[in-house]
Every structure is written in C-alpha cells, then in structure tokens.
Amino acid sequence: MNLSTQDLMAIELTLELAGLTTLILLLIATPLAWWLAQTRSIWRMPVASVLSLPLVLPPTVLGFYLLIALGPHGPLGQFTNWLGWGTLAFSFTGLVIASVIYSLPFALQPLVHAFESLGPRPLEVAATLRAHPLDAFFSVALPMASSGLITAAILSFAHTVGEFGVVLMIGGNIPDKTRVVSTQIYGHVEALEYAQAHSLSAAMLVFSFVVLMALAALRRTSNRTVL
C-alpha cells in the first residue's frame, strides 16, 4: 500500500475530526436520548423528527444550508465575524460542526434504544433507595446502557470517517486543513491517480469491515449478557 505524505495527512485529519466529533456527539446525544426515551411530551415526535433529518436529507442539501448559515452572510457567520473569529465555512471548526449535525442520528438512535430497553424498574428501585434522579441516571441508567454508548461511539466515528458530501460542501478540499480521506480519494480520481485512490479506498474498505465486525461482536456480547 503506497500512501503519499498528503494521504497520511488526510488520514491524520480524518481521525482527528472523527475522534472530536464522536466525543462531542456522546456529550450531546446522551441527555437528548435520555429525554426522548423518558418523556411523554407532545414535542417528542417533532424533536425526534428534526434530529433524525440527516438520515433522509441528501448530504449536499444539508451541506448547502450549513454553508449558508456559516458563511459571511449567514446568521452564524455574521455572529462569528462580530466576535472576531471570522467565518467557520472552509475551516476545521466548520467541519466539526457539520460532522456533529450530520452524524447526530447515528449516536442518538442506539442510545434511545438502549435507554428505552431498560424499562422503568431499575429507576423505581433506585428511587426506593432514595437516590436522586441525577444519581440514578449516572449510577444505574448509564452503566446499564453501556452497550448503547459503545455502539453510538463506533457508529459516530465510522460515519464521520466516511463523510463526503457534507465535508466537501462545508470544508472544500484544502490540504492540511479540511482535506480528509474521502475528499483525498475524490482528488486522486479527479486527477486520474487510480493507484493512489485504490490504496486509500482499500484502507477504507478494511476499516469498514472492522467496524461491522466490532458491532457484530458487541451485539453478541450484549445478547449473552441479557441471557
């Protein structure tokens, strides 16, 4: 496998983006998933639908609206300009924001499923022991939903690594700044550098296979634990 310096830089940036996105997603998606799993509010369905939009929206549509929002004439772009930060479009920070939004359902859905599968009994037992709801969440609900957390982390990381449309729209293909593996492959193909594109694509194929194997092993472990 012959990887150039630019390929390695793209891989490094991709791993950095995926790692940071996964961390942010777990912090955001966990309380959201808990609320969605527990609430009986009439707002549950609309909120869940909005948070799941990236699953059905074409990546270019989502990337386009994020580009408008983060650009110099968008509300977020004007706000960051006012703060003296400049615009976030075509920057690594913009990529992180776009990746968090685009991969949110892949972190949210496994967590919602994990929390819903707990049922009310564990929290009722914790309440009889006079545990504060926040203590019950961290000491009972979260440990029992650990398989959902791991699944959410794996899916978020893998989905971020494989992003293309949103990344290209909001970040472009700037070397050592916004050029990730998917856009690097695209650049190789555009330049008719098929050997380099094959090397990176093969690495992505192996990575995807490992992710699927990890998820299968996790599900098997979870099933054995339940039994």
C-alpha atoms as a PDB file:
ATOM      1  CA  MET A   1       0.000   0.000   0.000  1.00  0.00           C
ATOM      2  CA  ASN A   2       1.709   3.156  -1.246  1.00  0.00           C
ATOM      3  CA  LEU A   3       0.484   6.197   0.674  1.00  0.00           C
ATOM      4  CA  SER A   4       1.884   9.652  -0.009  1.00  0.00           C
ATOM      5  CA  THR A   5       2.561  12.341   2.580  1.00  0.00           C
ATOM      6  CA  GLN A   6      -0.688  14.061   1.602  1.00  0.00           C
ATOM      7  CA  ASP A   7      -2.564  10.778   2.055  1.00  0.00           C
ATOM      8  CA  LEU A   8      -1.141  10.377   5.554  1.00  0.00           C
ATOM      9  CA  MET A   9      -2.028  13.981   6.399  1.00  0.00           C
ATOM     10  CA  ALA A  10      -5.587  13.335   5.190  1.00  0.00           C
ATOM     11  CA  ILE A  11      -5.802  10.195   7.349  1.00  0.00           C
ATOM     12  CA  GLU A  12      -4.485  12.088  10.388  1.00  0.00           C
ATOM     13  CA  LEU A  13      -7.013  14.911   9.876  1.00  0.00           C
ATOM     14  CA  THR A  14      -9.826  12.384   9.375  1.00  0.00           C
ATOM     15  CA  LEU A  15      -9.022  10.592  12.627  1.00  0.00           C
ATOM     16  CA  GLU A  16      -8.806  13.910  14.466  1.00  0.00           C
ATOM     17  CA  LEU A  17     -12.162  15.007  13.043  1.00  0.00           C
ATOM     18  CA  ALA A  18     -13.839  11.674  13.795  1.00  0.00           C
ATOM     19  CA  GLY A  19     -12.474  11.499  17.338  1.00  0.00           C
ATOM     20  CA  LEU A  20     -13.513  15.041  18.237  1.00  0.00           C
ATOM     21  CA  THR A  21     -16.926  14.620  16.600  1.00  0.00           C
ATOM     22  CA  THR A  22     -17.564  11.370  18.475  1.00  0.00           C
ATOM     23  CA  LEU A  23     -16.677  12.944  21.820  1.00  0.00           C
ATOM     24  CA  ILE A  24     -18.963  15.934  21.219  1.00  0.00           C
ATOM     25  CA  LEU A  25     -21.769  13.692  19.973  1.00  0.00           C
ATOM     26  CA  LEU A  26     -21.693  11.490  23.071  1.00  0.00           C
ATOM     27  CA  LEU A  27     -21.908  14.571  25.286  1.00  0.00           C
ATOM     28  CA  ILE A  28     -24.835  15.985  23.280  1.00  0.00           C
ATOM     29  CA  ALA A  29     -26.695  12.810  22.324  1.00  0.00           C
ATOM     30  CA  THR A  30     -26.731  11.180  25.778  1.00  0.00           C
ATOM     31  CA  PRO A  31     -29.006  13.735  27.520  1.00  0.00           C
ATOM     32  CA  LEU A  32     -31.089  14.114  24.339  1.00  0.00           C
ATOM     33  CA  ALA A  33     -31.569  10.349  24.106  1.00  0.00           C
ATOM     34  CA  TRP A  34     -32.482  10.130  27.781  1.00  0.00           C
ATOM     35  CA  TRP A  35     -35.126  12.828  27.343  1.00  0.00           C
ATOM     36  CA  LEU A  36     -36.541  11.165  24.217  1.00  0.00           C
ATOM     37  CA  ALA A  37     -36.660   7.792  25.976  1.00  0.00           C
ATOM     38  CA  GLN A  38     -38.368   9.125  29.109  1.00  0.00           C
ATOM     39  CA  THR A  39     -40.601  11.989  28.050  1.00  0.00           C
ATOM     40  CA  ARG A  40     -44.291  11.776  27.196  1.00  0.00           C
ATOM     41  CA  SER A  41     -44.351  15.331  25.875  1.00  0.00           C
ATOM     42  CA  ILE A  42     -46.221  16.167  22.680  1.00  0.00           C
ATOM     43  CA  TRP A  43     -42.917  17.653  21.466  1.00  0.00           C
ATOM     44  CA  ARG A  44     -41.196  14.273  21.434  1.00  0.00           C
ATOM     45  CA  MET A  45     -42.164  13.330  17.869  1.00  0.00           C
ATOM     46  CA  PRO A  46     -41.333  16.727  16.288  1.00  0.00           C
ATOM     47  CA  VAL A  47     -37.998  16.913  18.128  1.00  0.00           C
ATOM     48  CA  ALA A  48     -37.092  13.318  17.205  1.00  0.00           C
ATOM     49  CA  SER A  49     -38.011  14.002  13.572  1.00  0.00           C
ATOM     50  CA  VAL A  50     -35.860  17.135  13.387  1.00  0.00           C
ATOM     51  CA  LEU A  51     -32.888  15.350  14.983  1.00  0.00           C
ATOM     52  CA  SER A  52     -33.266  12.465  12.515  1.00  0.00           C
ATOM     53  CA  LEU A  53     -33.394  14.656   9.394  1.00  0.00           C
ATOM     54  CA  PRO A  54     -29.744  13.932   8.432  1.00  0.00           C
ATOM     55  CA  LEU A  55     -30.769  10.308   7.850  1.00  0.00           C
ATOM     56  CA  VAL A  56     -33.022  11.221   4.924  1.00  0.00           C
ATOM     57  CA  LEU A  57     -31.658  14.544   3.689  1.00  0.00           C
ATOM     58  CA  PRO A  58     -29.126  14.353   0.847  1.00  0.00           C
ATOM     59  CA  PRO A  59     -25.715  15.322   2.270  1.00  0.00           C
ATOM     60  CA  THR A  60     -25.385  18.093  -0.305  1.00  0.00           C
ATOM     61  CA  VAL A  61     -28.659  19.665   0.860  1.00  0.00           C
ATOM     62  CA  LEU A  62     -27.551  19.637   4.491  1.00  0.00           C
ATOM     63  CA  GLY A  63     -24.089  20.861   3.494  1.00  0.00           C
ATOM     64  CA  PHE A  64     -25.589  23.666   1.402  1.00  0.00           C
ATOM     65  CA  TYR A  65     -27.707  25.043   4.232  1.00  0.00           C
ATOM     66  CA  LEU A  66     -24.817  24.740   6.680  1.00  0.00           C
ATOM     67  CA  LEU A  67     -22.629  26.614   4.198  1.00  0.00           C
ATOM     68  CA  ILE A  68     -25.250  29.390   4.022  1.00  0.00           C
ATOM     69  CA  ALA A  69     -25.572  29.521   7.817  1.00  0.00           C
ATOM     70  CA  LEU A  70     -21.813  29.557   8.453  1.00  0.00           C
ATOM     71  CA  GLY A  71     -20.947  31.818   5.518  1.00  0.00           C
ATOM     72  CA  PRO A  72     -20.305  35.572   5.748  1.00  0.00           C
ATOM     73  CA  HIS A  73     -23.977  36.435   5.120  1.00  0.00           C
ATOM     74  CA  GLY A  74     -25.486  33.702   7.297  1.00  0.00           C
ATOM     75  CA  PRO A  75     -26.623  34.223  10.900  1.00  0.00           C
ATOM     76  CA  LEU A  76     -23.844  32.127  12.419  1.00  0.00           C
ATOM     77  CA  GLY A  77     -21.260  33.594  10.051  1.00  0.00           C
ATOM     78  CA  GLN A  78     -22.260  37.148  10.943  1.00  0.00           C
ATOM     79  CA  PHE A  79     -22.159  36.254  14.649  1.00  0.00           C
ATOM     80  CA  THR A  80     -18.666  34.719  14.467  1.00  0.00           C
ATOM     81  CA  ASN A  81     -17.494  37.695  12.390  1.00  0.00           C
ATOM     82  CA  TRP A  82     -18.862  40.017  15.071  1.00  0.00           C
ATOM     83  CA  LEU A  83     -16.885  38.065  17.667  1.00  0.00           C
ATOM     84  CA  GLY A  84     -13.756  38.479  15.542  1.00  0.00           C
ATOM     85  CA  TRP A  85     -13.451  34.764  14.736  1.00  0.00           C
ATOM     86  CA  GLY A  86     -14.117  35.108  11.019  1.00  0.00           C
ATOM     87  CA  THR A  87     -16.400  32.698   9.197  1.00  0.00           C
ATOM     88  CA  LEU A  88     -16.332  28.991  10.011  1.00  0.00           C
ATOM     89  CA  ALA A  89     -17.012  27.797   6.473  1.00  0.00           C
ATOM     90  CA  PHE A  90     -13.973  26.120   4.876  1.00  0.00           C
ATOM     91  CA  SER A  91     -12.335  25.636   8.266  1.00  0.00           C
ATOM     92  CA  PHE A  92     -11.716  22.638  10.523  1.00  0.00           C
ATOM     93  CA  THR A  93     -14.128  24.053  13.104  1.00  0.00           C
ATOM     94  CA  GLY A  94     -16.804  24.259  10.423  1.00  0.00           C
ATOM     95  CA  LEU A  95     -16.112  20.614   9.554  1.00  0.00           C
ATOM     96  CA  VAL A  96     -16.600  19.627  13.199  1.00  0.00           C
ATOM     97  CA  ILE A  97     -19.931  21.475  13.402  1.00  0.00           C
ATOM     98  CA  ALA A  98     -21.141  19.894  10.163  1.00  0.00           C
ATOM     99  CA  SER A  99     -19.980  16.429  11.230  1.00  0.00           C
ATOM    100  CA  VAL A 100     -21.732  16.681  14.596  1.00  0.00           C
ATOM    101  CA  ILE A 101     -25.019  17.622  12.925  1.00  0.00           C
ATOM    102  CA  TYR A 102     -24.696  15.047  10.149  1.00  0.00           C
ATOM    103  CA  SER A 103     -23.745  12.146  12.435  1.00  0.00           C
ATOM    104  CA  LEU A 104     -26.104  13.015  15.311  1.00  0.00           C
ATOM    105  CA  PRO A 105     -28.748  10.354  14.447  1.00  0.00           C
ATOM    106  CA  PHE A 106     -26.081   7.640  14.440  1.00  0.00           C
ATOM    107  CA  ALA A 107     -25.240   8.479  18.053  1.00  0.00           C
ATOM    108  CA  LEU A 108     -28.789   9.262  19.126  1.00  0.00           C
ATOM    109  CA  GLN A 109     -30.706   6.200  17.945  1.00  0.00           C
ATOM    110  CA  PRO A 110     -28.595   3.488  19.662  1.00  0.00           C
ATOM    111  CA  LEU A 111     -28.754   5.479  22.904  1.00  0.00           C
ATOM    112  CA  VAL A 112     -32.524   5.977  22.719  1.00  0.00           C
ATOM    113  CA  HIS A 113     -32.968   2.253  22.088  1.00  0.00           C
ATOM    114  CA  ALA A 114     -30.651   1.387  24.999  1.00  0.00           C
ATOM    115  CA  PHE A 115     -32.454   3.697  27.414  1.00  0.00           C
ATOM    116  CA  GLU A 116     -35.909   2.528  26.306  1.00  0.00           C
ATOM    117  CA  SER A 117     -34.919  -1.116  26.750  1.00  0.00           C
ATOM    118  CA  LEU A 118     -34.122  -0.501  30.436  1.00  0.00           C
ATOM    119  CA  GLY A 119     -37.770  -0.085  31.360  1.00  0.00           C
ATOM    120  CA  PRO A 120     -38.933   1.764  34.480  1.00  0.00           C
ATOM    121  CA  ARG A 121     -37.977  -0.915  37.012  1.00  0.00           C
ATOM    122  CA  PRO A 122     -34.278  -0.026  37.622  1.00  0.00           C
ATOM    123  CA  LEU A 123     -35.098   3.640  38.267  1.00  0.00           C
ATOM    124  CA  GLU A 124     -38.028   2.715  40.515  1.00  0.00           C
ATOM    125  CA  VAL A 125     -35.701   0.562  42.613  1.00  0.00           C
ATOM    126  CA  ALA A 126     -33.183   3.418  42.762  1.00  0.00           C
ATOM    127  CA  ALA A 127     -35.966   5.784  43.867  1.00  0.00           C
ATOM    128  CA  THR A 128     -36.967   3.441  46.712  1.00  0.00           C
ATOM    129  CA  LEU A 129     -33.362   3.664  47.876  1.00  0.00           C
ATOM    130  CA  ARG A 130     -33.756   7.464  47.900  1.00  0.00           C
ATOM    131  CA  ALA A 131     -31.373   8.004  45.034  1.00  0.00           C
ATOM    132  CA  HIS A 132     -31.570  11.440  43.433  1.00  0.00           C
ATOM    133  CA  PRO A 133     -32.720  11.239  39.757  1.00  0.00           C
ATOM    134  CA  LEU A 134     -29.319  12.520  38.603  1.00  0.00           C
ATOM    135  CA  ASP A 135     -27.523   9.953  40.766  1.00  0.00           C
ATOM    136  CA  ALA A 136     -29.809   7.217  39.431  1.00  0.00           C
ATOM    137  CA  PHE A 137     -29.011   8.258  35.877  1.00  0.00           C
ATOM    138  CA  PHE A 138     -25.230   8.099  36.348  1.00  0.00           C
ATOM    139  CA  SER A 139     -25.095   5.093  38.680  1.00  0.00           C
ATOM    140  CA  VAL A 140     -27.893   2.942  37.206  1.00  0.00           C
ATOM    141  CA  ALA A 141     -29.138   4.002  33.759  1.00  0.00           C
ATOM    142  CA  LEU A 142     -25.814   4.913  32.156  1.00  0.00           C
ATOM    143  CA  PRO A 143     -23.923   1.742  33.188  1.00  0.00           C
ATOM    144  CA  MET A 144     -26.854  -0.438  32.082  1.00  0.00           C
ATOM    145  CA  ALA A 145     -26.883   1.346  28.704  1.00  0.00           C
ATOM    146  CA  SER A 146     -23.136   0.901  28.178  1.00  0.00           C
ATOM    147  CA  SER A 147     -23.601  -1.242  25.049  1.00  0.00           C
ATOM    148  CA  GLY A 148     -25.672   1.574  23.516  1.00  0.00           C
ATOM    149  CA  LEU A 149     -22.928   4.050  24.334  1.00  0.00           C
ATOM    150  CA  ILE A 150     -20.289   1.869  22.702  1.00  0.00           C
ATOM    151  CA  THR A 151     -22.462   1.318  19.620  1.00  0.00           C
ATOM    152  CA  ALA A 152     -23.134   5.058  19.380  1.00  0.00           C
ATOM    153  CA  ALA A 153     -19.406   5.810  19.615  1.00  0.00           C
ATOM    154  CA  ILE A 154     -18.476   3.236  16.947  1.00  0.00           C
ATOM    155  CA  LEU A 155     -21.194   4.341  14.524  1.00  0.00           C
ATOM    156  CA  SER A 156     -20.457   8.053  15.038  1.00  0.00           C
ATOM    157  CA  PHE A 157     -16.746   7.565  14.468  1.00  0.00           C
ATOM    158  CA  ALA A 158     -17.232   5.355  11.400  1.00  0.00           C
ATOM    159  CA  HIS A 159     -19.884   7.599   9.873  1.00  0.00           C
ATOM    160  CA  THR A 160     -17.688  10.662  10.300  1.00  0.00           C
ATOM    161  CA  VAL A 161     -14.741   8.893   8.671  1.00  0.00           C
ATOM    162  CA  GLY A 162     -16.912   8.055   5.666  1.00  0.00           C
ATOM    163  CA  GLU A 163     -18.421  11.533   5.168  1.00  0.00           C
ATOM    164  CA  PHE A 164     -18.067  13.106   1.749  1.00  0.00           C
ATOM    165  CA  GLY A 165     -20.929  15.326   0.568  1.00  0.00           C
ATOM    166  CA  VAL A 166     -21.240  17.444   3.713  1.00  0.00           C
ATOM    167  CA  VAL A 167     -17.460  17.670   4.097  1.00  0.00           C
ATOM    168  CA  LEU A 168     -16.974  18.795   0.513  1.00  0.00           C
ATOM    169  CA  MET A 169     -19.754  21.406   0.751  1.00  0.00           C
ATOM    170  CA  ILE A 170     -18.750  22.967   4.065  1.00  0.00           C
ATOM    171  CA  GLY A 171     -14.982  22.394   4.052  1.00  0.00           C
ATOM    172  CA  GLY A 172     -13.918  22.151   0.451  1.00  0.00           C
ATOM    173  CA  ASN A 173     -10.716  20.224  -0.116  1.00  0.00           C
ATOM    174  CA  ILE A 174      -7.979  22.366   1.430  1.00  0.00           C
ATOM    175  CA  PRO A 175      -4.722  20.456   2.110  1.00  0.00           C
ATOM    176  CA  ASP A 176      -3.814  20.053   5.799  1.00  0.00           C
ATOM    177  CA  LYS A 177      -6.950  21.998   6.782  1.00  0.00           C
ATOM    178  CA  THR A 178     -10.134  20.376   5.509  1.00  0.00           C
ATOM    179  CA  ARG A 179      -8.880  17.600   3.209  1.00  0.00           C
ATOM    180  CA  VAL A 180      -9.983  14.295   4.718  1.00  0.00           C
ATOM    181  CA  VAL A 181      -9.715  10.750   3.350  1.00  0.00           C
ATOM    182  CA  SER A 182     -12.954  10.843   1.337  1.00  0.00           C
ATOM    183  CA  THR A 183     -12.084  14.108  -0.415  1.00  0.00           C
ATOM    184  CA  GLN A 184      -8.494  12.933  -0.919  1.00  0.00           C
ATOM    185  CA  ILE A 185      -9.805   9.874  -2.768  1.00  0.00           C
ATOM    186  CA  TYR A 186     -12.027  12.144  -4.838  1.00  0.00           C
ATOM    187  CA  GLY A 187      -8.995  14.308  -5.683  1.00  0.00           C
ATOM    188  CA  HIS A 188      -6.976  11.262  -6.754  1.00  0.00           C
ATOM    189  CA  VAL A 189      -9.770  10.054  -9.044  1.00  0.00           C
ATOM    190  CA  GLU A 190     -10.232  13.522 -10.500  1.00  0.00           C
ATOM    191  CA  ALA A 191      -6.501  13.621 -11.282  1.00  0.00           C
ATOM    192  CA  LEU A 192      -6.682  10.077 -12.757  1.00  0.00           C
ATOM    193  CA  GLU A 193      -4.352   8.824  -9.982  1.00  0.00           C
ATOM    194  CA  TYR A 194      -6.088   5.484  -9.702  1.00  0.00           C
ATOM    195  CA  ALA A 195      -3.286   3.657  -7.887  1.00  0.00           C
ATOM    196  CA  GLN A 196      -3.318   6.178  -5.023  1.00  0.00           C
ATOM    197  CA  ALA A 197      -7.121   6.172  -4.982  1.00  0.00           C
ATOM    198  CA  HIS A 198      -7.069   2.381  -4.779  1.00  0.00           C
ATOM    199  CA  SER A 199      -4.702   2.420  -1.795  1.00  0.00           C
ATOM    200  CA  LEU A 200      -6.866   4.803   0.220  1.00  0.00           C
ATOM    201  CA  SER A 201     -10.091   3.092  -0.858  1.00  0.00           C
ATOM    202  CA  ALA A 202      -8.718  -0.284   0.210  1.00  0.00           C
ATOM    203  CA  ALA A 203      -7.845   1.171   3.609  1.00  0.00           C
ATOM    204  CA  MET A 204     -11.417   2.484   3.926  1.00  0.00           C
ATOM    205  CA  LEU A 205     -12.773  -0.934   2.930  1.00  0.00           C
ATOM    206  CA  VAL A 206     -10.738  -2.662   5.642  1.00  0.00           C
ATOM    207  CA  PHE A 207     -11.798  -0.048   8.176  1.00  0.00           C
ATOM    208  CA  SER A 208     -15.488  -0.541   7.317  1.00  0.00           C
ATOM    209  CA  PHE A 209     -15.144  -4.317   7.653  1.00  0.00           C
ATOM    210  CA  VAL A 210     -13.523  -3.954  11.083  1.00  0.00           C
ATOM    211  CA  VAL A 211     -16.343  -1.649  12.209  1.00  0.00           C
ATOM    212  CA  LEU A 212     -19.005  -4.150  11.134  1.00  0.00           C
ATOM    213  CA  MET A 213     -17.151  -6.976  12.898  1.00  0.00           C
ATOM    214  CA  ALA A 214     -16.891  -4.885  16.063  1.00  0.00           C
ATOM    215  CA  LEU A 215     -20.629  -4.134  16.014  1.00  0.00           C
ATOM    216  CA  ALA A 216     -21.452  -7.810  15.466  1.00  0.00           C
ATOM    217  CA  ALA A 217     -19.211  -8.817  18.382  1.00  0.00           C
ATOM    218  CA  LEU A 218     -20.816  -6.151  20.566  1.00  0.00           C
ATOM    219  CA  ARG A 219     -24.335  -7.369  19.761  1.00  0.00           C
ATOM    220  CA  ARG A 220     -23.343 -10.961  20.520  1.00  0.00           C
ATOM    221  CA  THR A 221     -21.836  -9.920  23.847  1.00  0.00           C
ATOM    222  CA  SER A 222     -24.955  -7.912  24.713  1.00  0.00           C
ATOM    223  CA  ASN A 223     -27.233 -10.855  23.892  1.00  0.00           C
ATOM    224  CA  ARG A 224     -25.188 -13.176  26.084  1.00  0.00           C
ATOM    225  CA  THR A 225     -25.353 -10.644  28.936  1.00  0.00           C
ATOM    226  CA  VAL A 226     -29.144 -10.444  28.649  1.00  0.00           C
ATOM    227  CA  LEU A 227     -29.442 -14.250  28.636  1.00  0.00           C
END
